[in-house]
Protein backbone atom coordinates (compact mmCIF):
# COMPACT_ATOMS: atom_id res chain seq x y z
CA UNK A 1 -0.05 0.02 0.05
CA UNK A 2 1.46 3.11 -1.25
CA UNK A 3 0.93 6.14 0.86
CA UNK A 4 1.43 9.43 -1.05
CA UNK A 5 3.22 12.15 0.87
CA UNK A 6 1.25 15.36 1.04
CA UNK A 7 1.74 18.75 2.49
CA UNK A 8 -0.71 20.42 4.91
CA UNK A 9 -2.86 23.01 3.21
CA UNK A 10 -2.34 26.49 4.89
CA UNK A 11 -5.48 27.49 6.94
CA UNK A 12 -6.89 30.89 6.80
CA UNK A 13 -5.48 31.81 10.08
CA UNK A 14 -1.94 31.02 8.69
CA UNK A 15 -2.57 33.26 5.64
CA UNK A 16 -3.66 36.10 7.88
CA UNK A 17 -0.58 35.69 9.96
CA UNK A 18 1.81 35.90 6.98
CA UNK A 19 0.04 38.90 5.46
CA UNK A 20 0.23 40.64 8.82
CA UNK A 21 3.92 40.65 8.41
CA UNK A 22 3.77 42.89 5.37
CA UNK A 23 4.67 46.52 6.44
CA UNK A 24 3.87 49.49 4.27
CA UNK A 25 7.22 51.33 3.72
CA UNK A 26 5.64 54.39 2.12
CA UNK A 27 3.94 55.19 -0.96
CA UNK A 28 6.69 53.86 -3.02
CA UNK A 29 5.84 50.19 -2.41
CA UNK A 30 5.84 47.51 0.18
CA UNK A 31 8.52 45.17 1.63
CA UNK A 32 7.66 41.61 2.77
CA UNK A 33 9.68 39.88 5.47
CA UNK A 34 10.15 36.22 5.73
CA UNK A 35 8.08 35.05 8.68
CA UNK A 36 9.78 32.61 11.16
CA UNK A 37 7.97 29.82 12.37
CA UNK A 38 7.65 29.08 16.09
CA UNK A 39 10.26 26.28 15.91
CA UNK A 40 12.81 28.47 14.27
CA UNK A 41 12.27 31.17 16.84
CA UNK A 42 12.91 28.66 19.68
CA UNK A 43 16.15 27.52 17.86
CA UNK A 44 17.34 31.07 17.69
CA UNK A 45 16.79 31.78 21.33
CA UNK A 46 18.57 28.45 22.29
CA UNK A 47 21.57 29.60 20.36
CA UNK A 48 21.73 32.90 22.05
CA UNK A 49 21.55 31.24 25.54
CA UNK A 50 24.29 28.79 24.50
CA UNK A 51 26.51 31.71 23.56
CA UNK A 52 25.85 33.54 26.76
CA UNK A 53 26.66 30.33 28.74
CA UNK A 54 29.91 29.97 27.04
CA UNK A 55 30.96 33.48 27.85
CA UNK A 56 29.86 32.91 31.48
CA UNK A 57 31.95 29.65 31.74
CA UNK A 58 34.91 31.34 30.21
CA UNK A 59 34.66 34.16 32.80
CA UNK A 60 34.25 31.73 35.78
CA UNK A 61 37.41 29.77 34.52
CA UNK A 62 39.41 33.06 34.45
CA UNK A 63 38.17 33.89 37.96
CA UNK A 64 39.20 30.41 39.35
CA UNK A 65 42.66 30.73 37.69
CA UNK A 66 43.23 34.19 39.11
CA UNK A 67 42.03 32.93 42.62
CA UNK A 68 44.46 29.93 42.51
CA UNK A 69 47.22 32.21 41.26
CA UNK A 70 46.61 34.45 44.32
CA UNK A 71 46.63 31.45 46.69
CA UNK A 72 50.00 30.17 45.30
CA UNK A 73 51.42 33.64 45.67
CA UNK A 74 50.14 33.91 49.27
CA UNK A 75 51.61 30.46 50.23
CA UNK A 76 54.86 31.28 48.56
CA UNK A 77 55.10 34.56 50.51
CA UNK A 78 54.03 32.83 53.76
CA UNK A 79 56.81 30.20 53.37
CA UNK A 80 59.43 32.72 52.65
CA UNK A 81 58.42 34.74 55.74
CA UNK A 82 58.50 31.65 57.82
CA UNK A 83 62.01 30.80 56.61
CA UNK A 84 63.19 34.31 57.21
CA UNK A 85 61.89 34.21 60.70
CA UNK A 86 63.57 30.93 61.56
CA UNK A 87 66.80 32.24 60.25
CA UNK A 88 66.42 35.27 62.51
CA UNK A 89 65.55 32.88 65.38
CA UNK A 90 68.57 30.94 64.80
CA UNK A 91 70.85 34.06 64.77
CA UNK A 92 69.19 35.40 67.94
CA UNK A 93 69.74 31.98 69.72
CA UNK A 94 73.48 32.09 68.65
CA UNK A 95 73.71 35.66 70.11
CA UNK A 96 72.03 34.35 73.27
CA UNK A 97 74.67 31.46 73.68
CA UNK A 98 77.58 33.92 72.94
CA UNK A 99 76.25 36.27 75.73
CA UNK A 100 77.07 33.52 78.30
CA UNK A 101 80.81 33.31 77.44
CA UNK A 102 82.12 35.73 78.49
CA UNK A 103 79.09 36.63 80.68
CA UNK A 104 77.61 39.95 79.35
CA UNK A 105 74.32 40.88 81.36
CA UNK A 106 73.30 43.60 78.82
CA UNK A 107 74.06 41.51 75.75
CA UNK A 108 72.25 38.49 77.32
CA UNK A 109 69.09 40.65 77.97
CA UNK A 110 69.02 41.99 74.41
CA UNK A 111 69.54 38.48 72.90
CA UNK A 112 66.84 36.96 75.06
CA UNK A 113 64.34 39.66 73.89
CA UNK A 114 65.34 38.94 70.22
CA UNK A 115 64.60 35.19 70.69
CA UNK A 116 61.27 35.86 72.33
CA UNK A 117 60.38 38.36 69.48
CA UNK A 118 61.19 35.72 66.87
CA UNK A 119 58.93 33.14 68.69
CA UNK A 120 56.02 35.74 68.70
CA UNK A 121 56.50 36.13 64.92
CA UNK A 122 56.41 32.46 64.30
CA UNK A 123 53.36 32.15 66.43
CA UNK A 124 51.60 34.90 64.38
CA UNK A 125 52.55 33.24 61.05
CA UNK A 126 51.11 30.05 62.36
CA UNK A 127 47.95 31.54 63.57
CA UNK A 128 47.65 33.55 60.18
CA UNK A 129 48.06 30.43 58.07
CA UNK A 130 45.42 28.49 60.00
CA UNK A 131 43.01 31.35 59.71
CA UNK A 132 43.61 31.71 55.99
CA UNK A 133 43.43 27.93 55.67
CA UNK A 134 40.00 27.94 57.09
CA UNK A 135 38.61 30.94 55.12
CA UNK A 136 40.30 30.27 51.78
CA UNK A 137 40.15 26.55 51.53
CA UNK A 138 36.89 25.74 53.26
CA UNK A 139 34.90 26.91 50.27
CA UNK A 140 36.97 25.68 47.43
CA UNK A 141 38.24 22.03 47.65
CA UNK A 142 40.84 21.58 45.08
CA UNK A 143 40.56 17.85 45.09
CA UNK A 144 36.98 18.12 44.18
CA UNK A 145 37.20 20.47 41.39
CA UNK A 146 36.04 18.93 38.13
CA UNK A 147 38.87 18.56 35.54
CA UNK A 148 36.34 19.44 32.78
CA UNK A 149 36.21 23.07 34.25
CA UNK A 150 39.85 23.63 34.33
CA UNK A 151 42.44 23.87 31.60
CA UNK A 152 45.88 22.21 31.68
CA UNK A 153 47.41 25.35 33.23
CA UNK A 154 44.91 25.23 36.10
CA UNK A 155 45.62 21.58 36.72
CA UNK A 156 49.41 22.39 36.98
CA UNK A 157 48.46 25.24 39.43
CA UNK A 158 46.43 23.00 41.62
CA UNK A 159 49.39 20.44 41.79
CA UNK A 160 51.60 23.34 42.77
CA UNK A 161 49.30 24.50 45.56
CA UNK A 162 49.00 20.97 46.80
CA UNK A 163 52.84 20.68 46.78
CA UNK A 164 53.11 24.02 48.58
CA UNK A 165 50.65 22.85 51.25
CA UNK A 166 52.50 19.59 51.76
CA UNK A 167 55.77 21.61 52.09
CA UNK A 168 54.16 23.93 54.49
CA UNK A 169 52.78 21.04 56.62
CA UNK A 170 56.35 19.52 56.84
CA UNK A 171 57.82 22.92 57.83
CA UNK A 172 55.17 23.25 60.48
CA UNK A 173 56.09 19.87 61.98
CA UNK A 174 59.72 20.91 61.78
CA UNK A 175 58.96 24.21 63.46
CA UNK A 176 57.24 22.36 66.30
CA UNK A 177 60.23 20.16 66.83
CA UNK A 178 62.53 23.15 66.87
CA UNK A 179 60.24 25.00 69.22
CA UNK A 180 60.37 22.10 71.72
CA UNK A 181 64.18 21.87 71.43
CA UNK A 182 64.46 25.76 71.84
CA UNK A 183 62.10 25.56 74.94
CA UNK A 184 64.51 22.84 76.33
CA UNK A 185 67.42 25.10 75.67
CA UNK A 186 65.59 28.09 77.27
CA UNK A 187 65.03 26.06 80.46
CA UNK A 188 68.64 25.14 80.54
CA UNK A 189 69.80 28.67 79.97
CA UNK A 190 67.60 29.74 82.74
CA UNK A 191 69.09 27.17 85.07
CA UNK A 192 72.66 28.28 84.00
CA UNK A 193 71.70 31.96 84.38
CA UNK A 194 70.45 31.20 87.88
CA UNK A 195 73.70 29.36 88.64
CA UNK A 196 75.69 32.16 87.31
CA UNK A 197 73.82 34.57 89.35
CA UNK A 198 74.38 32.63 92.48
CA UNK A 199 78.16 32.36 91.71
CA UNK A 200 78.17 36.13 91.07
CA UNK A 201 76.64 36.73 94.45
CA UNK A 202 79.21 34.50 96.18
CA UNK A 203 81.95 36.16 94.28
CA UNK A 204 80.67 39.56 95.34
CA UNK A 205 80.51 38.38 98.93
CA UNK A 206 84.14 36.84 98.81
CA UNK A 207 85.39 40.17 97.10
CA UNK A 208 83.85 42.27 99.73
CA UNK A 209 85.37 40.15 102.42
CA UNK A 210 88.78 40.30 100.66
CA UNK A 211 88.45 44.12 100.44
CA UNK A 212 87.56 44.33 104.01
CA UNK A 213 90.57 42.17 105.05
CA UNK A 214 92.95 44.04 102.77
CA UNK A 215 91.82 47.37 104.35
CA UNK A 216 92.12 45.86 107.86
CA UNK A 217 95.65 44.61 107.04
CA UNK A 218 96.73 48.01 105.61
CA UNK A 219 95.37 49.73 108.89
CA UNK A 220 97.30 47.39 111.02
CA UNK A 221 100.39 47.82 108.96
CA UNK A 222 100.23 51.56 109.14
CA UNK A 223 99.62 51.38 112.89
CA UNK A 224 102.66 49.10 113.36
CA UNK A 225 104.89 51.45 111.22
CA UNK A 226 103.72 54.49 113.27
CA UNK A 227 104.51 52.88 116.64
CA UNK A 228 107.69 53.87 118.31
CA UNK A 229 107.82 50.76 120.62
CA UNK A 230 109.99 47.67 120.03
CA UNK A 231 107.09 45.31 120.39
CA UNK A 232 103.28 45.63 119.92
CA UNK A 233 100.75 43.79 122.02
CA UNK A 234 99.24 40.67 120.68
CA UNK A 235 95.92 42.43 120.07
CA UNK A 236 97.67 44.37 117.23
CA UNK A 237 98.09 41.25 115.15
CA UNK A 238 95.08 40.58 112.89
CA UNK A 239 92.75 38.04 114.69
CA UNK A 240 92.39 35.97 111.57
CA UNK A 241 96.14 35.32 111.35
CA UNK A 242 96.20 34.37 114.94
CA UNK A 243 93.34 31.87 114.43
CA UNK A 244 95.11 30.25 111.38
CA UNK A 245 98.24 29.84 113.31
CA UNK A 246 96.37 28.22 116.28
CA UNK A 247 94.73 25.76 113.78
CA UNK A 248 98.22 24.82 112.44
CA UNK A 249 99.38 24.21 116.07
CA UNK A 250 96.52 21.91 116.61
CA UNK A 251 97.20 20.01 113.36
CA UNK A 252 100.83 19.66 114.39
CA UNK A 253 99.93 18.25 117.76
CA UNK A 254 97.45 15.81 116.20
CA UNK A 255 99.85 14.57 113.63
CA UNK A 256 102.64 14.22 116.17
CA UNK A 257 100.16 12.18 118.37
CA UNK A 258 99.61 9.86 115.28
CA UNK A 259 103.45 9.50 114.82
CA UNK A 260 103.83 8.57 118.53
CA UNK A 261 100.96 6.03 118.30
CA UNK A 262 102.48 4.45 115.24
CA UNK A 263 105.76 4.21 116.86
CA UNK A 264 104.27 2.50 119.96
CA UNK A 265 102.57 0.07 117.68
CA UNK A 266 105.86 -0.71 115.91
CA UNK A 267 107.28 -1.08 119.46
CA UNK A 268 109.81 1.86 119.07
CA UNK A 269 111.65 3.21 122.02
CA UNK A 270 110.05 6.68 122.57
CA UNK A 271 112.74 7.90 124.88
CA UNK A 272 115.47 7.02 122.37
CA UNK A 273 113.42 8.78 119.59
CA UNK A 274 112.91 11.87 121.51
CA UNK A 275 116.71 11.95 122.39
CA UNK A 276 117.51 11.61 118.70
CA UNK A 277 115.57 14.68 117.95
CA UNK A 278 117.19 16.86 120.51
CA UNK A 279 119.69 15.08 122.80
CA UNK A 280 120.52 16.12 126.31
CA UNK A 281 117.25 17.81 127.31
CA UNK A 282 116.13 17.42 130.82
CA UNK A 283 112.28 16.97 130.77
CA UNK A 284 110.25 17.98 133.73
CA UNK A 285 107.94 14.99 133.12
CA UNK A 286 108.10 11.88 130.91
CA UNK A 287 104.85 13.08 129.15
CA UNK A 288 106.67 16.23 128.08
CA UNK A 289 108.68 14.21 125.64
CA UNK A 290 105.73 14.49 123.20
CA UNK A 291 106.81 18.09 122.68
CA UNK A 292 109.98 16.85 121.02
CA UNK A 293 107.93 15.14 118.24
CA UNK A 294 105.84 18.25 117.86
CA UNK A 295 108.97 20.30 117.52
CA UNK A 296 110.22 17.81 114.86
CA UNK A 297 107.14 17.98 112.58
CA UNK A 298 106.82 21.73 112.84
CA UNK A 299 110.51 22.18 112.05
CA UNK A 300 110.24 20.00 108.96
CA UNK A 301 106.94 21.40 107.71
CA UNK A 302 107.79 25.08 108.27
CA UNK A 303 111.13 24.73 106.70
CA UNK A 304 111.36 27.15 103.74
CA UNK A 305 108.42 29.29 105.02
CA UNK A 306 110.46 32.50 104.17
CA UNK A 307 110.29 31.83 100.39
CA UNK A 308 107.10 32.66 98.48
CA UNK A 309 106.52 29.04 97.60
CA UNK A 310 108.74 27.01 99.94
CA UNK A 311 111.47 26.83 97.17
CA UNK A 312 109.24 24.38 95.24
CA UNK A 313 110.14 26.40 92.12
CA UNK A 314 112.07 29.38 91.08
CA UNK A 315 109.17 31.85 90.95
CA UNK A 316 110.05 35.55 91.75
CA UNK A 317 106.48 36.86 91.46
CA UNK A 318 106.67 38.39 94.92
CA UNK A 319 109.58 40.53 93.72
CA UNK A 320 108.48 41.33 90.19
CA UNK A 321 104.88 42.15 91.09
CA UNK A 322 104.49 42.17 94.85
CA UNK A 323 100.92 43.50 94.83
CA UNK A 324 99.60 40.88 92.48
CA UNK A 325 101.34 38.21 94.38
CA UNK A 326 99.79 39.38 97.62
CA UNK A 327 96.34 39.48 95.95
CA UNK A 328 96.77 35.98 94.55
CA UNK A 329 97.88 34.54 97.88
CA UNK A 330 94.77 35.99 99.56
CA UNK A 331 92.61 34.41 96.90
CA UNK A 332 94.26 31.11 97.29
CA UNK A 333 93.76 31.36 101.13
CA UNK A 334 89.90 31.99 100.68
CA UNK A 335 89.50 29.31 98.10
CA UNK A 336 91.50 26.58 100.06
CA UNK A 337 90.14 27.25 103.54
CA UNK A 338 86.89 25.48 103.17
CA UNK A 339 88.10 22.68 100.86
CA UNK A 340 89.03 19.16 101.86
CA UNK A 341 92.74 18.77 101.05
CA UNK A 342 92.37 15.24 99.69
CA UNK A 343 89.70 16.42 97.26
CA UNK A 344 91.94 19.31 96.13
CA UNK A 345 94.98 17.10 95.42
CA UNK A 346 92.73 14.46 93.76
CA UNK A 347 91.50 16.92 91.23
CA UNK A 348 94.88 18.58 90.55
CA UNK A 349 97.64 16.29 92.07
CA UNK A 350 100.44 18.37 90.40
CA UNK A 351 99.36 21.81 91.69
CA UNK A 352 101.60 23.82 93.81
CA UNK A 353 100.08 22.60 96.94
CA UNK A 354 100.19 18.99 95.67
CA UNK A 355 103.90 19.37 95.08
CA UNK A 356 104.32 20.98 98.52
CA UNK A 357 102.76 17.85 100.03
CA UNK A 358 104.92 15.45 98.10
CA UNK A 359 108.10 17.26 99.13
CA UNK A 360 107.15 17.63 102.76
CA UNK A 361 105.99 14.02 103.10
CA UNK A 362 109.32 12.68 101.89
CA UNK A 363 111.18 15.18 104.15
CA UNK A 364 109.08 14.26 107.22
CA UNK A 365 108.42 10.47 107.01
CA UNK A 366 111.64 8.60 106.52
CA UNK A 367 111.64 5.47 104.39
CA UNK A 368 112.53 3.22 107.36
CA UNK A 369 110.03 5.00 109.48
CA UNK A 370 107.30 3.97 107.01
CA UNK A 371 108.39 0.41 106.65
CA UNK A 372 108.26 0.00 110.40
CA UNK A 373 104.70 1.70 110.53
CA UNK A 374 103.11 -0.27 107.68
CA UNK A 375 105.49 -3.08 106.79
CA UNK A 376 105.96 -1.64 103.40
CA UNK A 377 106.91 1.61 101.59
CA UNK A 378 103.95 1.93 99.22
CA UNK A 379 103.00 5.40 100.44
CA UNK A 380 106.48 6.61 99.53
CA UNK A 381 106.38 4.87 96.19
CA UNK A 382 103.01 6.50 95.27
CA UNK A 383 104.32 9.97 96.30
CA UNK A 384 107.38 9.62 94.22
CA UNK A 385 105.16 8.85 91.25
CA UNK A 386 103.23 12.13 91.88
CA UNK A 387 100.17 10.40 93.44
CA UNK A 388 98.54 11.05 96.79
CA UNK A 389 97.62 7.92 98.96
CA UNK A 390 94.18 7.69 100.48
CA UNK A 391 95.17 6.12 103.81
CA UNK A 392 94.23 7.38 107.12
CA UNK A 393 97.86 8.25 107.98
CA UNK A 394 98.46 10.30 104.75
CA UNK A 395 95.07 12.05 105.18
CA UNK A 396 96.07 13.14 108.69
CA UNK A 397 99.32 14.44 107.07
CA UNK A 398 97.22 16.34 104.35
CA UNK A 399 95.34 18.23 106.99
CA UNK A 400 98.58 19.29 108.79
CA UNK A 401 100.04 20.27 105.38
CA UNK A 402 96.91 22.33 104.56
CA UNK A 403 97.02 24.12 107.83
CA UNK A 404 100.75 25.14 107.33
CA UNK A 405 99.98 26.07 103.64
CA UNK A 406 97.11 28.45 104.77
CA UNK A 407 99.50 30.14 107.34
CA UNK A 408 101.91 30.64 104.44
CA UNK A 409 99.30 31.92 101.99
CA UNK A 410 97.85 34.37 104.49
CA UNK A 411 101.36 35.49 105.76
CA UNK A 412 102.33 36.42 102.16
CA UNK A 413 99.14 38.45 101.76
CA UNK A 414 100.43 40.93 104.15
CA UNK A 415 102.39 44.06 103.13
CA UNK A 416 105.18 43.62 104.15
CA UNK A 417 105.07 39.86 104.40
CA UNK A 418 105.09 38.09 107.68
CA UNK A 419 108.39 36.87 108.94
CA UNK A 420 108.87 33.63 110.79
CA UNK A 421 111.32 32.80 113.64
CA UNK A 422 112.35 30.25 116.16
CA UNK A 423 114.84 30.26 119.08
CA UNK A 424 117.94 28.42 119.32
CA UNK A 425 118.68 26.06 122.14
CA UNK A 426 120.15 27.55 125.31
CA UNK A 427 118.88 30.93 124.37
CA UNK A 428 117.64 32.86 127.41
CA UNK A 429 113.87 32.89 127.70
CA UNK A 430 112.27 36.19 126.84
CA UNK A 431 108.70 36.56 127.55
CA UNK A 432 108.20 39.35 124.80
CA UNK A 433 108.87 36.86 122.13
CA UNK A 434 108.44 33.46 123.74
CA UNK A 435 105.88 31.44 125.75
CA UNK A 436 106.40 28.19 127.55
CA UNK A 437 104.31 25.27 126.35
CA UNK A 438 104.20 24.05 130.07
CA UNK A 439 102.98 26.43 132.64
CA UNK A 440 103.35 24.75 135.94
CA UNK A 441 107.14 24.40 136.08
CA UNK A 442 109.99 26.13 137.93
CA UNK A 443 113.74 26.18 137.58
CA UNK A 444 115.48 23.39 139.28
CA UNK A 445 118.21 25.90 140.52
CA UNK A 446 116.77 28.49 142.94
CA UNK A 447 119.66 30.98 142.26
CA UNK A 448 118.00 34.27 141.60
CA UNK A 449 120.67 35.29 139.03
CA UNK A 450 120.00 32.48 136.77
CA UNK A 451 117.44 32.50 133.94
CA UNK A 452 115.31 29.80 132.18
CA UNK A 453 116.98 28.49 129.05
CA UNK A 454 115.27 27.23 125.90
CA UNK A 455 115.55 23.47 125.39
CA UNK A 456 113.71 23.39 121.98
CA UNK A 457 111.27 25.51 119.93
CA UNK A 458 107.96 23.60 119.66
CA UNK A 459 106.11 26.04 117.32
CA UNK A 460 107.60 28.89 115.47
CA UNK A 461 106.76 32.59 116.08
CA UNK A 462 105.75 35.22 113.58
CA UNK A 463 106.40 39.02 113.09
CA UNK A 464 103.80 41.18 111.35
CA UNK A 465 105.86 44.46 111.03
CA UNK A 466 106.71 45.24 114.63
CA UNK A 467 103.84 43.06 115.94
CA UNK A 468 104.85 39.62 117.34
CA UNK A 469 103.08 36.34 117.67
CA UNK A 470 105.11 34.51 120.22
CA UNK A 471 106.74 31.19 119.54
CA UNK A 472 106.28 28.33 121.87
CA UNK A 473 109.31 26.81 123.62
CA UNK A 474 110.04 24.06 125.92
CA UNK A 475 112.35 25.16 128.86
CA UNK A 476 115.39 22.91 129.81
CA UNK A 477 116.15 21.73 133.16
CA UNK A 478 112.96 22.55 134.82
CA UNK A 479 110.77 20.74 137.38
CA UNK A 480 106.97 20.45 137.80
CA UNK A 481 105.41 22.42 140.53
CA UNK A 482 102.61 19.90 140.92
């Protein structure tokens, strides 16, 4: 069955619509326009809308590109500022460390302020980044942006932003680690600063005490020089020096007692030992023979006292720069007075005091004496090697040596230096310079024209200018009154 194609016949309404499009142009004639159908009109409108959408999409793409470019630029600027601040922080911390050695309070305060300022800057950058991250990246998620709406350049820009974000995150972690370390260093610096402050306070107290002692010494020396008398009273001698000499006497008596105990343990004849020290002395009592041993240890230990360092070396500092030498002696006295002598020689066994102990021990304790006391000579062997034994006997010797050394250091801090003296045997007893170690005795001979004679000097005496600290002597050929 064949169906013939046919066209719809125009209706009257269609004809009227077509003729309504004819406009009279004037008296010269008419112009007829082609009349568009409703379908054609719809197609034209759709084309215009598509064109507007295209331009709108292109505009949106440009805006997104500009926005991403601005974000990249902001991130680059932020990272650059963070690196600059970290570099400034490192430099400030180096300055802070340099301010401690040597210690400079003003420089330390300025460096501390600089470090705190850089920390504040880093904190501000961190806060700014987080705020921008909330505002800028909360509305636009780069990972969700459709690729169809971006060009190739936009995709590269997104990747770059993501890389910068990752780098910034790593730098934040690194910054947090650095912040933890710096806080730890700050705590350590605060502890060190507190320790330095305590040491400075101690140094200030010691310096004030030293200055006070020096002024007191100068005043006493001027008083001694201005006196016309031959001998000043004992009260004119500085009380401190008198106390140090008394401590040395006690140490000598203690060590002499230890020697006597060791001799008794070794079954020595104490009478023969005392006679070998100073023969021919008539003792008022057998117990008085202990003064012979005190005389022996004092004579050995104070030998060389007149030299600035007991002739241990050839130093001439007291002659080349006497003021400096007096100052150094006073400082050594203050430093050593409260120290344990064994601790001191253990830290620096070859110091001047350590060498003094070595020399005096070998001079005081004979090799045969040591073998009798201990059955060996290991103490002597250690001393010859430059070491210091830790036995009870040697520690007692160290206390005695320290007491003598303190007297020497303090004596050479005077201007002029203190002079030491002792009295020869058979010298006539003179109460202005001497005192008897035994009080309740009298002369064996009742002859009024005879005078007591010195048997031996137990402890030496000292002269500070014209002031005298009397030496202690044992008088010969005396008898006990009780």
